[in-house]
Each structure stands twice: as structure tokens, then as C-alpha cells.
Amino acid sequence: QVQLVESGGGLVQAGDSLRLSCVVSGRSFSGSDMGWFRQAPGKEREFVAAISRSGGSTFYADSVKGRFTISRDNAKNTAYLQMNSLKPEDTAVYYCAAGDPRYSIIPRASPARYGYWGQGTQVTVSS
């Protein structure tokens, strides 16, 4: 049984930082691309960042580029999202996702690429 468990969300002020973690169990972590998505109330789930299996390649949405950093520790089966200079518009539920190799031709920014999802962690940024 595959499980992804996010943690690290919370309520912060604009300009603050948070680090989200996602621990994966039940499948080969090092064999999976990882992604972070977010969903704000009344909006569709949107891509935030992705990282290749080795960690050698990273990808970001334009809205977070330069402020967020995705990383992974394959020895700990954990992916991270370091979020700096947070803005109120970053407020959302953040989800981590593990890629399914069967869908590797699907772009990394598409939720369809990812076969496994966490339950989400709330990030609220006040102005």
C-alpha cells in the first residue's frame, strides 16, 4: 500500500518561510519522479514544482520560480518543498505526488502523470 504523508504546513505572515515534507512508503521512492501541487478554494489544482528521480533536474511554475525550491533525499524516502518569501496568493492546500512510470510521457506539470497523492497540508499566508 503506497502512502504519501505531507507535513510542515501552517499559518505564516507574508515574507515568511515554510518547508513542506513528504514521506513516501510502500513503493520505490528513488524510482519515482516527485511533484508538488496546490489547490486554493474555488480553483483547480495547479502545478508548483517537480523533481526527477535522481534529483538532478527540477522544474517550477513561473509563479514560484526563485522563491520555492524542491529537493529530495532518496535515503529518507522524502521530498521537500522549501518556500521562501511567501505571499498571500500562495495560500492553498499543498499536495505531494509520486510519478507513475507508465505515464512518464505526460508532462510533469500535469496531475495525470502522478499515480499517487498525499492527503495535503494547508498553507495559509496572511498579509
C-alpha atoms as a PDB file:
ATOM      1  CA  GLN A   1       0.000   0.000   0.000  1.00  0.00           C
ATOM      2  CA  VAL A   2       1.501   3.268  -1.140  1.00  0.00           C
ATOM      3  CA  GLN A   3       1.334   6.173   1.257  1.00  0.00           C
ATOM      4  CA  LEU A   4       2.441   9.768   0.885  1.00  0.00           C
ATOM      5  CA  VAL A   5       2.280  11.876   4.023  1.00  0.00           C
ATOM      6  CA  GLU A   6       2.838  15.623   3.880  1.00  0.00           C
ATOM      7  CA  SER A   7       3.728  17.811   6.818  1.00  0.00           C
ATOM      8  CA  GLY A   8       5.027  21.275   7.538  1.00  0.00           C
ATOM      9  CA  GLY A   9       2.088  23.455   6.604  1.00  0.00           C
ATOM     10  CA  GLY A  10       0.790  26.233   8.785  1.00  0.00           C
ATOM     11  CA  LEU A  11      -0.195  29.856   9.170  1.00  0.00           C
ATOM     12  CA  VAL A  12       2.520  32.398   8.435  1.00  0.00           C
ATOM     13  CA  GLN A  13       2.843  36.045   7.507  1.00  0.00           C
ATOM     14  CA  ALA A  14       3.779  37.380   4.117  1.00  0.00           C
ATOM     15  CA  GLY A  15       7.527  37.195   3.632  1.00  0.00           C
ATOM     16  CA  ASP A  16       7.966  34.209   5.921  1.00  0.00           C
ATOM     17  CA  SER A  17       9.238  30.758   5.001  1.00  0.00           C
ATOM     18  CA  LEU A  18       7.970  27.211   5.377  1.00  0.00           C
ATOM     19  CA  ARG A  19       9.370  23.823   4.486  1.00  0.00           C
ATOM     20  CA  LEU A  20       6.996  21.074   3.487  1.00  0.00           C
ATOM     21  CA  SER A  21       7.984  17.423   3.705  1.00  0.00           C
ATOM     22  CA  CYS A  22       6.519  14.375   2.008  1.00  0.00           C
ATOM     23  CA  VAL A  23       7.416  10.907   3.232  1.00  0.00           C
ATOM     24  CA  VAL A  24       6.716   8.051   0.827  1.00  0.00           C
ATOM     25  CA  SER A  25       6.225   4.430   1.797  1.00  0.00           C
ATOM     26  CA  GLY A  26       5.090   1.317   0.007  1.00  0.00           C
ATOM     27  CA  ARG A  27       6.875   1.876  -3.300  1.00  0.00           C
ATOM     28  CA  SER A  28      10.307   2.612  -4.654  1.00  0.00           C
ATOM     29  CA  PHE A  29      10.882   6.274  -3.836  1.00  0.00           C
ATOM     30  CA  SER A  30      14.064   6.550  -5.852  1.00  0.00           C
ATOM     31  CA  GLY A  31      12.202   5.164  -8.846  1.00  0.00           C
ATOM     32  CA  SER A  32       9.596   7.928  -8.842  1.00  0.00           C
ATOM     33  CA  ASP A  33       9.535  11.469 -10.099  1.00  0.00           C
ATOM     34  CA  MET A  34       8.015  13.658  -7.432  1.00  0.00           C
ATOM     35  CA  GLY A  35       5.813  16.680  -7.742  1.00  0.00           C
ATOM     36  CA  TRP A  36       4.138  19.310  -5.598  1.00  0.00           C
ATOM     37  CA  PHE A  37       0.783  20.769  -6.496  1.00  0.00           C
ATOM     38  CA  ARG A  38      -1.551  23.170  -4.735  1.00  0.00           C
ATOM     39  CA  GLN A  39      -5.222  23.933  -4.727  1.00  0.00           C
ATOM     40  CA  ALA A  40      -6.800  27.113  -3.467  1.00  0.00           C
ATOM     41  CA  PRO A  41     -10.521  27.344  -2.621  1.00  0.00           C
ATOM     42  CA  GLY A  42     -12.620  27.511  -5.770  1.00  0.00           C
ATOM     43  CA  LYS A  43      -9.641  26.905  -8.040  1.00  0.00           C
ATOM     44  CA  GLU A  44      -8.248  23.948  -9.904  1.00  0.00           C
ATOM     45  CA  ARG A  45      -5.235  22.061  -8.677  1.00  0.00           C
ATOM     46  CA  GLU A  46      -2.122  23.664 -10.101  1.00  0.00           C
ATOM     47  CA  PHE A  47       1.444  22.573 -10.601  1.00  0.00           C
ATOM     48  CA  VAL A  48       4.067  24.026  -8.266  1.00  0.00           C
ATOM     49  CA  ALA A  49       7.287  22.076  -8.731  1.00  0.00           C
ATOM     50  CA  ALA A  50       8.702  18.718  -9.779  1.00  0.00           C
ATOM     51  CA  ILE A  51      11.946  16.833  -9.387  1.00  0.00           C
ATOM     52  CA  SER A  52      13.448  13.941 -11.305  1.00  0.00           C
ATOM     53  CA  ARG A  53      14.175  10.565  -9.762  1.00  0.00           C
ATOM     54  CA  SER A  54      17.830  11.358  -9.143  1.00  0.00           C
ATOM     55  CA  GLY A  55      17.150  14.924  -8.057  1.00  0.00           C
ATOM     56  CA  GLY A  56      19.327  16.206 -10.840  1.00  0.00           C
ATOM     57  CA  SER A  57      16.534  18.073 -12.618  1.00  0.00           C
ATOM     58  CA  THR A  58      13.968  20.402 -11.135  1.00  0.00           C
ATOM     59  CA  PHE A  59      11.015  22.225 -12.645  1.00  0.00           C
ATOM     60  CA  TYR A  60       8.935  25.128 -11.349  1.00  0.00           C
ATOM     61  CA  ALA A  61       5.808  27.054 -12.095  1.00  0.00           C
ATOM     62  CA  ASP A  62       6.582  30.628 -13.074  1.00  0.00           C
ATOM     63  CA  SER A  63       4.648  31.883 -10.065  1.00  0.00           C
ATOM     64  CA  VAL A  64       7.075  30.277  -7.607  1.00  0.00           C
ATOM     65  CA  LYS A  65      10.343  30.337  -9.522  1.00  0.00           C
ATOM     66  CA  GLY A  66      13.094  31.953  -7.462  1.00  0.00           C
ATOM     67  CA  ARG A  67      11.110  31.609  -4.217  1.00  0.00           C
ATOM     68  CA  PHE A  68      10.462  27.857  -3.880  1.00  0.00           C
ATOM     69  CA  THR A  69      12.973  25.011  -4.007  1.00  0.00           C
ATOM     70  CA  ILE A  70      12.111  21.354  -4.450  1.00  0.00           C
ATOM     71  CA  SER A  71      14.529  18.696  -3.271  1.00  0.00           C
ATOM     72  CA  ARG A  72      14.592  15.065  -2.271  1.00  0.00           C
ATOM     73  CA  ASP A  73      16.515  12.699  -0.045  1.00  0.00           C
ATOM     74  CA  ASN A  74      16.286   9.216  -1.509  1.00  0.00           C
ATOM     75  CA  ALA A  75      17.869   7.691   1.585  1.00  0.00           C
ATOM     76  CA  LYS A  76      14.976   9.052   3.667  1.00  0.00           C
ATOM     77  CA  ASN A  77      12.218   8.469   1.098  1.00  0.00           C
ATOM     78  CA  THR A  78      11.354  12.128   1.499  1.00  0.00           C
ATOM     79  CA  ALA A  79      10.679  15.029  -0.815  1.00  0.00           C
ATOM     80  CA  TYR A  80      10.774  18.643   0.319  1.00  0.00           C
ATOM     81  CA  LEU A  81       9.422  21.983  -0.775  1.00  0.00           C
ATOM     82  CA  GLN A  82      11.229  24.965   0.692  1.00  0.00           C
ATOM     83  CA  MET A  83       9.023  28.019   0.351  1.00  0.00           C
ATOM     84  CA  ASN A  84      10.535  31.452   0.891  1.00  0.00           C
ATOM     85  CA  SER A  85       9.142  34.953   0.540  1.00  0.00           C
ATOM     86  CA  LEU A  86       5.619  33.617   0.865  1.00  0.00           C
ATOM     87  CA  LYS A  87       2.748  35.696  -0.475  1.00  0.00           C
ATOM     88  CA  PRO A  88      -0.956  35.646   0.369  1.00  0.00           C
ATOM     89  CA  GLU A  89      -1.619  34.199  -3.087  1.00  0.00           C
ATOM     90  CA  ASP A  90       0.400  31.126  -2.074  1.00  0.00           C
ATOM     91  CA  THR A  91      -2.391  30.191   0.311  1.00  0.00           C
ATOM     92  CA  ALA A  92      -3.655  26.733  -0.639  1.00  0.00           C
ATOM     93  CA  VAL A  93      -3.658  23.079   0.259  1.00  0.00           C
ATOM     94  CA  TYR A  94      -0.363  21.643  -0.921  1.00  0.00           C
ATOM     95  CA  TYR A  95      -0.173  18.084  -2.201  1.00  0.00           C
ATOM     96  CA  CYS A  96       2.821  15.926  -2.984  1.00  0.00           C
ATOM     97  CA  ALA A  97       2.588  13.317  -5.694  1.00  0.00           C
ATOM     98  CA  ALA A  98       4.665  10.382  -6.870  1.00  0.00           C
ATOM     99  CA  GLY A  99       5.025   9.769 -10.553  1.00  0.00           C
ATOM    100  CA  ASP A 100       3.829   6.582 -12.220  1.00  0.00           C
ATOM    101  CA  PRO A 101       6.417   5.348 -14.742  1.00  0.00           C
ATOM    102  CA  ARG A 102       3.597   4.192 -17.030  1.00  0.00           C
ATOM    103  CA  TYR A 103       2.710   7.840 -17.586  1.00  0.00           C
ATOM    104  CA  SER A 104       6.198   9.220 -17.970  1.00  0.00           C
ATOM    105  CA  ILE A 105       5.417  10.748 -21.360  1.00  0.00           C
ATOM    106  CA  ILE A 106       2.860  13.035 -19.746  1.00  0.00           C
ATOM    107  CA  PRO A 107       4.305  16.470 -18.914  1.00  0.00           C
ATOM    108  CA  ARG A 108       5.485  16.925 -15.358  1.00  0.00           C
ATOM    109  CA  ALA A 109       3.091  19.800 -14.782  1.00  0.00           C
ATOM    110  CA  SER A 110       0.077  17.587 -15.424  1.00  0.00           C
ATOM    111  CA  PRO A 111      -1.559  15.828 -12.472  1.00  0.00           C
ATOM    112  CA  ALA A 112      -2.191  12.868 -14.786  1.00  0.00           C
ATOM    113  CA  ARG A 113       1.499  11.982 -14.668  1.00  0.00           C
ATOM    114  CA  TYR A 114       1.300  11.138 -10.991  1.00  0.00           C
ATOM    115  CA  GLY A 115      -0.281   7.944  -9.751  1.00  0.00           C
ATOM    116  CA  TYR A 116      -0.066   8.513  -6.015  1.00  0.00           C
ATOM    117  CA  TRP A 117      -1.052  11.505  -3.907  1.00  0.00           C
ATOM    118  CA  GLY A 118      -0.822  12.624  -0.325  1.00  0.00           C
ATOM    119  CA  GLN A 119      -3.700  13.973   1.716  1.00  0.00           C
ATOM    120  CA  GLY A 120      -2.489  17.562   1.543  1.00  0.00           C
ATOM    121  CA  THR A 121      -1.260  20.120   4.038  1.00  0.00           C
ATOM    122  CA  GLN A 122      -2.726  23.586   4.464  1.00  0.00           C
ATOM    123  CA  VAL A 123      -0.555  26.645   3.938  1.00  0.00           C
ATOM    124  CA  THR A 124      -2.078  29.990   4.858  1.00  0.00           C
ATOM    125  CA  VAL A 125      -0.207  33.233   4.299  1.00  0.00           C
ATOM    126  CA  SER A 126      -1.616  36.361   5.892  1.00  0.00           C
ATOM    127  CA  SER A 127      -0.913  39.845   4.582  1.00  0.00           C
END
